[in-house]
Amino acid sequence: MTSAKKTTERLIKKYPNRRLYDTQTSSYITLTDVKQLVLDNEVFRVIDAKTDEDLTRSILLQIILEEESNGSPMFSSGALAQIIRYYGHAMQGMMGNYLEKNIQAFIDIQNKLTENSKGMYEGKPFSPEMWTQFMNVQGPMMQGMMSNYIDQSKSLFVQMQEQMQSQTKNIFTTFPFPGTDQSTK
């Protein structure tokens, strides 16, 4: 019964007055409540009550904005500027996919560390406090691992970009286009 509940998508309706209504609990909720759903790994969807438009991404972005405004932000201004520069760029889809895969790789590493650490703390998974303690002790090593991973990822991305440029050049030199020098074939 519990596993069926986990796979059922929870529906949240957003009304014109900006209020969010959780159809599962039949009550109004806040962005903080939606954040808790995310933290609890609940599957949910937010829709506009009038148009049925999917607003889930918009709500998640609002939560990120609030989190970035409070405490210590995860993204620097430079990183956000770089992300913005990819909107409308030919590489936009690739960049989104690249970021998503890197986040998933980071999650996989964290899950593996959590799994490997279960025996250390009476079989309990790492709590946020335990992660803080772990990072205080192992932070420099983890930073080194992450730097190596990022360097490898960057190298792989550059290689992929060079291959794409080479393939594109081969495609365009195969077909005679006006104004191109065909003698370079």
Foldseek 3Di string as FASTA:
>chain_A
DVVVQQPDAWEWEQEPVRWIATPVVRGTDDLVVVVVCVVVNHHYWYAYPPPRHTCRVVSVVVVLVVVCVDDPHPDDPVRVVVLVVLVVPPCNVVVVVLVVVVVVVVVVVQVVVQVVCCVVPVNDGDDPVNVVVCCVVCVVVVVVVVVVVVVVSVVVVVVVVVVVVVVVVVVVLVDDDPPDDVVVD
